[in-house]
Amino acid sequence: TEMSTRLHDGRLKVFSTVTDFFEEYRSYHMRNGKVVDRDDDFISACRYAVMSVRHFVELNHVPITLYSNAQHSGGWMAM
């Protein structure tokens, strides 16, 4: 599936601390060509996000720069 492919090639990353996701992923399976949708809230949300990627549109790409030098003393959000 698209989700499995993205997990394996690194285009989809899940923090290792999201243990519920990995428990569901291990028990994720199909029966008669259909996904068995039992106790799969994390997987369903992830699958929905992956399938929605084709609809994403980059509206305005603005690079973000975080300043850490002395001239910007108002914290990481000060410019």
PDB file of N, CA and C in Angstrom:
ATOM      1  N   THR A   1       0.836  -1.185   0.000  1.00  0.00           N
ATOM      2  CA  THR A   1       0.000   0.000   0.000  1.00  0.00           C
ATOM      3  C   THR A   1       0.881   1.249   0.000  1.00  0.00           C
ATOM      4  N   GLU A   2       0.283   2.369  -0.315  1.00  0.00           N
ATOM      5  CA  GLU A   2       1.012   3.641  -0.365  1.00  0.00           C
ATOM      6  C   GLU A   2       1.627   3.980   0.992  1.00  0.00           C
ATOM      7  N   MET A   3       0.887   3.738   2.067  1.00  0.00           N
ATOM      8  CA  MET A   3       1.395   4.051   3.396  1.00  0.00           C
ATOM      9  C   MET A   3       2.624   3.211   3.726  1.00  0.00           C
ATOM     10  N   SER A   4       2.575   1.933   3.449  1.00  0.00           N
ATOM     11  CA  SER A   4       3.725   1.052   3.712  1.00  0.00           C
ATOM     12  C   SER A   4       4.933   1.474   2.898  1.00  0.00           C
ATOM     13  N   THR A   5       4.705   1.813   1.637  1.00  0.00           N
ATOM     14  CA  THR A   5       5.790   2.256   0.768  1.00  0.00           C
ATOM     15  C   THR A   5       6.441   3.508   1.325  1.00  0.00           C
ATOM     16  N   ARG A   6       5.632   4.463   1.740  1.00  0.00           N
ATOM     17  CA  ARG A   6       6.169   5.709   2.293  1.00  0.00           C
ATOM     18  C   ARG A   6       6.910   5.474   3.608  1.00  0.00           C
ATOM     19  N   LEU A   7       6.421   4.580   4.447  1.00  0.00           N
ATOM     20  CA  LEU A   7       7.132   4.265   5.696  1.00  0.00           C
ATOM     21  C   LEU A   7       8.499   3.653   5.410  1.00  0.00           C
ATOM     22  N   HIS A   8       8.548   2.751   4.455  1.00  0.00           N
ATOM     23  CA  HIS A   8       9.793   2.039   4.164  1.00  0.00           C
ATOM     24  C   HIS A   8      10.816   2.886   3.428  1.00  0.00           C
ATOM     25  N   ASP A   9      10.363   3.838   2.586  1.00  0.00           N
ATOM     26  CA  ASP A   9      11.349   4.646   1.863  1.00  0.00           C
ATOM     27  C   ASP A   9      11.637   5.985   2.542  1.00  0.00           C
ATOM     28  N   GLY A  10      11.034   6.222   3.717  1.00  0.00           N
ATOM     29  CA  GLY A  10      11.366   7.408   4.503  1.00  0.00           C
ATOM     30  C   GLY A  10      10.554   8.647   4.190  1.00  0.00           C
ATOM     31  N   ARG A  11       9.572   8.550   3.312  1.00  0.00           N
ATOM     32  CA  ARG A  11       8.741   9.716   3.012  1.00  0.00           C
ATOM     33  C   ARG A  11       7.655   9.923   4.063  1.00  0.00           C
ATOM     34  N   LEU A  12       7.415   8.921   4.902  1.00  0.00           N
ATOM     35  CA  LEU A  12       6.488   9.028   6.028  1.00  0.00           C
ATOM     36  C   LEU A  12       7.249   8.586   7.261  1.00  0.00           C
ATOM     37  N   LYS A  13       7.290   9.472   8.255  1.00  0.00           N
ATOM     38  CA  LYS A  13       8.031   9.164   9.476  1.00  0.00           C
ATOM     39  C   LYS A  13       7.109   9.285  10.671  1.00  0.00           C
ATOM     40  N   VAL A  14       7.249   8.345  11.593  1.00  0.00           N
ATOM     41  CA  VAL A  14       6.455   8.335  12.820  1.00  0.00           C
ATOM     42  C   VAL A  14       7.427   8.246  13.978  1.00  0.00           C
ATOM     43  N   PHE A  15       7.266   9.137  14.954  1.00  0.00           N
ATOM     44  CA  PHE A  15       8.138   9.088  16.120  1.00  0.00           C
ATOM     45  C   PHE A  15       8.021   7.737  16.813  1.00  0.00           C
ATOM     46  N   SER A  16       9.133   7.223  17.276  1.00  0.00           N
ATOM     47  CA  SER A  16       9.138   5.916  17.938  1.00  0.00           C
ATOM     48  C   SER A  16       8.338   5.924  19.239  1.00  0.00           C
ATOM     49  N   THR A  17       8.059   7.096  19.782  1.00  0.00           N
ATOM     50  CA  THR A  17       7.292   7.195  21.021  1.00  0.00           C
ATOM     51  C   THR A  17       5.790   7.032  20.802  1.00  0.00           C
ATOM     52  N   VAL A  18       5.354   6.995  19.552  1.00  0.00           N
ATOM     53  CA  VAL A  18       3.929   6.809  19.255  1.00  0.00           C
ATOM     54  C   VAL A  18       3.669   5.302  19.205  1.00  0.00           C
ATOM     55  N   THR A  19       3.734   4.684  20.354  1.00  0.00           N
ATOM     56  CA  THR A  19       3.656   3.221  20.446  1.00  0.00           C
ATOM     57  C   THR A  19       2.306   2.674  19.973  1.00  0.00           C
ATOM     58  N   ASP A  20       1.239   3.447  20.179  1.00  0.00           N
ATOM     59  CA  ASP A  20      -0.082   2.991  19.722  1.00  0.00           C
ATOM     60  C   ASP A  20      -0.086   2.779  18.210  1.00  0.00           C
ATOM     61  N   PHE A  21       0.586   3.672  17.479  1.00  0.00           N
ATOM     62  CA  PHE A  21       0.659   3.527  16.027  1.00  0.00           C
ATOM     63  C   PHE A  21       1.325   2.208  15.659  1.00  0.00           C
ATOM     64  N   PHE A  22       2.449   1.920  16.266  1.00  0.00           N
ATOM     65  CA  PHE A  22       3.198   0.718  15.904  1.00  0.00           C
ATOM     66  C   PHE A  22       2.478  -0.565  16.319  1.00  0.00           C
ATOM     67  N   GLU A  23       1.739  -0.511  17.417  1.00  0.00           N
ATOM     68  CA  GLU A  23       0.929  -1.672  17.808  1.00  0.00           C
ATOM     69  C   GLU A  23      -0.156  -1.927  16.758  1.00  0.00           C
ATOM     70  N   GLU A  24      -0.803  -0.858  16.313  1.00  0.00           N
ATOM     71  CA  GLU A  24      -1.830  -1.007  15.283  1.00  0.00           C
ATOM     72  C   GLU A  24      -1.218  -1.457  13.960  1.00  0.00           C
ATOM     73  N   TYR A  25      -0.056  -0.909  13.628  1.00  0.00           N
ATOM     74  CA  TYR A  25       0.598  -1.246  12.361  1.00  0.00           C
ATOM     75  C   TYR A  25       0.957  -2.728  12.307  1.00  0.00           C
ATOM     76  N   ARG A  26       1.401  -3.270  13.438  1.00  0.00           N
ATOM     77  CA  ARG A  26       1.735  -4.702  13.483  1.00  0.00           C
ATOM     78  C   ARG A  26       0.501  -5.584  13.303  1.00  0.00           C
ATOM     79  N   SER A  27      -0.659  -5.100  13.774  1.00  0.00           N
ATOM     80  CA  SER A  27      -1.875  -5.921  13.656  1.00  0.00           C
ATOM     81  C   SER A  27      -2.706  -5.575  12.423  1.00  0.00           C
ATOM     82  N   TYR A  28      -2.257  -4.599  11.643  1.00  0.00           N
ATOM     83  CA  TYR A  28      -2.963  -4.153  10.433  1.00  0.00           C
ATOM     84  C   TYR A  28      -2.941  -5.269   9.398  1.00  0.00           C
ATOM     85  N   HIS A  29      -4.112  -5.598   8.848  1.00  0.00           N
ATOM     86  CA  HIS A  29      -4.164  -6.657   7.840  1.00  0.00           C
ATOM     87  C   HIS A  29      -5.405  -6.507   6.963  1.00  0.00           C
ATOM     88  N   MET A  30      -5.395  -7.276   5.906  1.00  0.00           N
ATOM     89  CA  MET A  30      -6.524  -7.270   4.969  1.00  0.00           C
ATOM     90  C   MET A  30      -7.136  -8.663   4.920  1.00  0.00           C
ATOM     91  N   ARG A  31      -8.435  -8.708   4.675  1.00  0.00           N
ATOM     92  CA  ARG A  31      -9.139  -9.971   4.523  1.00  0.00           C
ATOM     93  C   ARG A  31     -10.027  -9.841   3.294  1.00  0.00           C
ATOM     94  N   ASN A  32      -9.900 -10.785   2.381  1.00  0.00           N
ATOM     95  CA  ASN A  32     -10.675 -10.770   1.132  1.00  0.00           C
ATOM     96  C   ASN A  32     -10.492  -9.461   0.360  1.00  0.00           C
ATOM     97  N   GLY A  33      -9.271  -8.925   0.379  1.00  0.00           N
ATOM     98  CA  GLY A  33      -8.965  -7.716  -0.372  1.00  0.00           C
ATOM     99  C   GLY A  33      -9.416  -6.421   0.267  1.00  0.00           C
ATOM    100  N   LYS A  34      -9.932  -6.494   1.493  1.00  0.00           N
ATOM    101  CA  LYS A  34     -10.385  -5.294   2.188  1.00  0.00           C
ATOM    102  C   LYS A  34      -9.674  -5.172   3.528  1.00  0.00           C
ATOM    103  N   VAL A  35      -9.406  -3.918   3.924  1.00  0.00           N
ATOM    104  CA  VAL A  35      -8.760  -3.657   5.206  1.00  0.00           C
ATOM    105  C   VAL A  35      -9.709  -4.029   6.334  1.00  0.00           C
ATOM    106  N   VAL A  36      -9.211  -4.754   7.324  1.00  0.00           N
ATOM    107  CA  VAL A  36      -9.998  -5.081   8.514  1.00  0.00           C
ATOM    108  C   VAL A  36      -9.906  -3.868   9.434  1.00  0.00           C
ATOM    109  N   ASP A  37     -11.005  -3.133   9.568  1.00  0.00           N
ATOM    110  CA  ASP A  37     -10.990  -1.874  10.310  1.00  0.00           C
ATOM    111  C   ASP A  37     -11.467  -2.052  11.747  1.00  0.00           C
ATOM    112  N   ARG A  38     -10.604  -2.666  12.532  1.00  0.00           N
ATOM    113  CA  ARG A  38     -10.904  -2.881  13.943  1.00  0.00           C
ATOM    114  C   ARG A  38      -9.727  -2.366  14.764  1.00  0.00           C
ATOM    115  N   ASP A  39      -9.985  -1.467  15.711  1.00  0.00           N
ATOM    116  CA  ASP A  39      -8.940  -0.892  16.557  1.00  0.00           C
ATOM    117  C   ASP A  39      -7.816  -0.304  15.714  1.00  0.00           C
ATOM    118  N   ASP A  40      -8.184   0.551  14.763  1.00  0.00           N
ATOM    119  CA  ASP A  40      -7.176   1.089  13.847  1.00  0.00           C
ATOM    120  C   ASP A  40      -7.265   2.605  13.688  1.00  0.00           C
ATOM    121  N   ASP A  41      -7.510   3.324  14.781  1.00  0.00           N
ATOM    122  CA  ASP A  41      -7.698   4.770  14.695  1.00  0.00           C
ATOM    123  C   ASP A  41      -6.457   5.494  14.167  1.00  0.00           C
ATOM    124  N   PHE A  42      -5.281   5.163  14.690  1.00  0.00           N
ATOM    125  CA  PHE A  42      -4.049   5.815  14.242  1.00  0.00           C
ATOM    126  C   PHE A  42      -3.762   5.480  12.780  1.00  0.00           C
ATOM    127  N   ILE A  43      -3.901   4.224  12.431  1.00  0.00           N
ATOM    128  CA  ILE A  43      -3.621   3.790  11.065  1.00  0.00           C
ATOM    129  C   ILE A  43      -4.600   4.439  10.089  1.00  0.00           C
ATOM    130  N   SER A  44      -5.865   4.526  10.461  1.00  0.00           N
ATOM    131  CA  SER A  44      -6.858   5.142   9.583  1.00  0.00           C
ATOM    132  C   SER A  44      -6.548   6.616   9.351  1.00  0.00           C
ATOM    133  N   ALA A  45      -6.174   7.328  10.401  1.00  0.00           N
ATOM    134  CA  ALA A  45      -5.826   8.745  10.265  1.00  0.00           C
ATOM    135  C   ALA A  45      -4.598   8.908   9.381  1.00  0.00           C
ATOM    136  N   CYS A  46      -3.622   8.054   9.566  1.00  0.00           N
ATOM    137  CA  CYS A  46      -2.405   8.098   8.771  1.00  0.00           C
ATOM    138  C   CYS A  46      -2.707   7.776   7.309  1.00  0.00           C
ATOM    139  N   ARG A  47      -3.496   6.751   7.082  1.00  0.00           N
ATOM    140  CA  ARG A  47      -3.872   6.357   5.723  1.00  0.00           C
ATOM    141  C   ARG A  47      -4.627   7.488   5.028  1.00  0.00           C
ATOM    142  N   TYR A  48      -5.510   8.155   5.752  1.00  0.00           N
ATOM    143  CA  TYR A  48      -6.267   9.277   5.199  1.00  0.00           C
ATOM    144  C   TYR A  48      -5.325  10.413   4.805  1.00  0.00           C
ATOM    145  N   ALA A  49      -4.358  10.712   5.657  1.00  0.00           N
ATOM    146  CA  ALA A  49      -3.387  11.770   5.356  1.00  0.00           C
ATOM    147  C   ALA A  49      -2.553  11.413   4.132  1.00  0.00           C
ATOM    148  N   VAL A  50      -2.084  10.170   4.053  1.00  0.00           N
ATOM    149  CA  VAL A  50      -1.269   9.740   2.917  1.00  0.00           C
ATOM    150  C   VAL A  50      -2.068   9.821   1.621  1.00  0.00           C
ATOM    151  N   MET A  51      -3.317   9.406   1.649  1.00  0.00           N
ATOM    152  CA  MET A  51      -4.130   9.440   0.435  1.00  0.00           C
ATOM    153  C   MET A  51      -4.516  10.868   0.049  1.00  0.00           C
ATOM    154  N   SER A  52      -4.429  11.806   0.987  1.00  0.00           N
ATOM    155  CA  SER A  52      -4.751  13.201   0.704  1.00  0.00           C
ATOM    156  C   SER A  52      -3.562  13.968   0.129  1.00  0.00           C
ATOM    157  N   VAL A  53      -2.382  13.392   0.150  1.00  0.00           N
ATOM    158  CA  VAL A  53      -1.178  14.075  -0.322  1.00  0.00           C
ATOM    159  C   VAL A  53      -1.345  14.557  -1.760  1.00  0.00           C
ATOM    160  N   ARG A  54      -2.017  13.811  -2.582  1.00  0.00           N
ATOM    161  CA  ARG A  54      -2.169  14.202  -3.986  1.00  0.00           C
ATOM    162  C   ARG A  54      -2.954  15.503  -4.144  1.00  0.00           C
ATOM    163  N   HIS A  55      -3.687  15.905  -3.113  1.00  0.00           N
ATOM    164  CA  HIS A  55      -4.469  17.133  -3.166  1.00  0.00           C
ATOM    165  C   HIS A  55      -3.738  18.331  -2.571  1.00  0.00           C
ATOM    166  N   PHE A  56      -2.555  18.102  -1.996  1.00  0.00           N
ATOM    167  CA  PHE A  56      -1.809  19.190  -1.371  1.00  0.00           C
ATOM    168  C   PHE A  56      -1.306  20.158  -2.429  1.00  0.00           C
ATOM    169  N   VAL A  57      -1.346  21.412  -2.101  1.00  0.00           N
ATOM    170  CA  VAL A  57      -0.837  22.447  -2.992  1.00  0.00           C
ATOM    171  C   VAL A  57       0.040  23.378  -2.163  1.00  0.00           C
ATOM    172  N   GLU A  58       1.235  23.638  -2.646  1.00  0.00           N
ATOM    173  CA  GLU A  58       2.107  24.567  -1.952  1.00  0.00           C
ATOM    174  C   GLU A  58       1.701  25.972  -2.374  1.00  0.00           C
ATOM    175  N   LEU A  59       1.157  26.737  -1.441  1.00  0.00           N
ATOM    176  CA  LEU A  59       0.650  28.058  -1.768  1.00  0.00           C
ATOM    177  C   LEU A  59       1.748  29.117  -1.772  1.00  0.00           C
ATOM    178  N   ASN A  60       2.581  29.111  -0.777  1.00  0.00           N
ATOM    179  CA  ASN A  60       3.586  30.144  -0.670  1.00  0.00           C
ATOM    180  C   ASN A  60       4.759  29.607   0.145  1.00  0.00           C
ATOM    181  N   HIS A  61       5.835  29.288  -0.512  1.00  0.00           N
ATOM    182  CA  HIS A  61       6.995  28.731   0.181  1.00  0.00           C
ATOM    183  C   HIS A  61       7.862  29.873   0.696  1.00  0.00           C
ATOM    184  N   VAL A  62       7.906  30.040   2.005  1.00  0.00           N
ATOM    185  CA  VAL A  62       8.725  31.074   2.617  1.00  0.00           C
ATOM    186  C   VAL A  62       9.702  30.389   3.554  1.00  0.00           C
ATOM    187  N   PRO A  63      11.008  30.522   3.302  1.00  0.00           N
ATOM    188  CA  PRO A  63      11.978  29.888   4.198  1.00  0.00           C
ATOM    189  C   PRO A  63      11.919  30.508   5.591  1.00  0.00           C
ATOM    190  N   ILE A  64      12.104  29.683   6.598  1.00  0.00           N
ATOM    191  CA  ILE A  64      12.082  30.132   7.989  1.00  0.00           C
ATOM    192  C   ILE A  64      13.508  30.146   8.509  1.00  0.00           C
ATOM    193  N   THR A  65      13.896  31.243   9.105  1.00  0.00           N
ATOM    194  CA  THR A  65      15.228  31.357   9.680  1.00  0.00           C
ATOM    195  C   THR A  65      15.086  31.622  11.170  1.00  0.00           C
ATOM    196  N   LEU A  66      15.729  30.808  11.968  1.00  0.00           N
ATOM    197  CA  LEU A  66      15.740  31.012  13.416  1.00  0.00           C
ATOM    198  C   LEU A  66      17.051  31.671  13.785  1.00  0.00           C
ATOM    199  N   TYR A  67      16.959  32.815  14.447  1.00  0.00           N
ATOM    200  CA  TYR A  67      18.152  33.558  14.831  1.00  0.00           C
ATOM    201  C   TYR A  67      18.584  33.188  16.235  1.00  0.00           C
ATOM    202  N   SER A  68      19.881  33.066  16.428  1.00  0.00           N
ATOM    203  CA  SER A  68      20.378  32.738  17.762  1.00  0.00           C
ATOM    204  C   SER A  68      21.501  33.662  18.192  1.00  0.00           C
ATOM    205  N   ASN A  69      21.794  34.716  17.428  1.00  0.00           N
ATOM    206  CA  ASN A  69      22.892  35.597  17.819  1.00  0.00           C
ATOM    207  C   ASN A  69      22.405  36.697  18.759  1.00  0.00           C
ATOM    208  N   ALA A  70      23.335  37.465  19.317  1.00  0.00           N
ATOM    209  CA  ALA A  70      23.041  38.433  20.376  1.00  0.00           C
ATOM    210  C   ALA A  70      22.167  39.588  19.910  1.00  0.00           C
ATOM    211  N   GLN A  71      22.207  39.966  18.651  1.00  0.00           N
ATOM    212  CA  GLN A  71      21.434  41.115  18.203  1.00  0.00           C
ATOM    213  C   GLN A  71      19.936  40.861  18.252  1.00  0.00           C
ATOM    214  N   HIS A  72      19.520  39.615  18.303  1.00  0.00           N
ATOM    215  CA  HIS A  72      18.103  39.257  18.419  1.00  0.00           C
ATOM    216  C   HIS A  72      17.882  38.666  19.795  1.00  0.00           C
ATOM    217  N   SER A  73      17.631  39.524  20.775  1.00  0.00           N
ATOM    218  CA  SER A  73      17.566  39.058  22.160  1.00  0.00           C
ATOM    219  C   SER A  73      16.152  38.775  22.643  1.00  0.00           C
ATOM    220  N   GLY A  74      15.165  38.829  21.749  1.00  0.00           N
ATOM    221  CA  GLY A  74      13.782  38.643  22.171  1.00  0.00           C
ATOM    222  C   GLY A  74      13.296  37.215  22.095  1.00  0.00           C
ATOM    223  N   GLY A  75      14.187  36.237  22.052  1.00  0.00           N
ATOM    224  CA  GLY A  75      13.773  34.838  21.956  1.00  0.00           C
ATOM    225  C   GLY A  75      13.822  34.356  20.515  1.00  0.00           C
ATOM    226  N   TRP A  76      13.444  33.154  20.298  1.00  0.00           N
ATOM    227  CA  TRP A  76      13.567  32.559  18.970  1.00  0.00           C
ATOM    228  C   TRP A  76      12.590  33.159  17.960  1.00  0.00           C
ATOM    229  N   MET A  77      11.522  33.820  18.422  1.00  0.00           N
ATOM    230  CA  MET A  77      10.574  34.391  17.487  1.00  0.00           C
ATOM    231  C   MET A  77      10.879  35.843  17.152  1.00  0.00           C
ATOM    232  N   ALA A  78      11.815  36.463  17.875  1.00  0.00           N
ATOM    233  CA  ALA A  78      12.141  37.875  17.620  1.00  0.00           C
ATOM    234  C   ALA A  78      12.916  37.994  16.314  1.00  0.00           C
ATOM    235  N   MET A  79      12.624  39.007  15.583  1.00  0.00           N
ATOM    236  CA  MET A  79      13.317  39.250  14.315  1.00  0.00           C
ATOM    237  C   MET A  79      13.984  40.596  14.381  1.00  0.00           C
TER     238      MET A  79
END
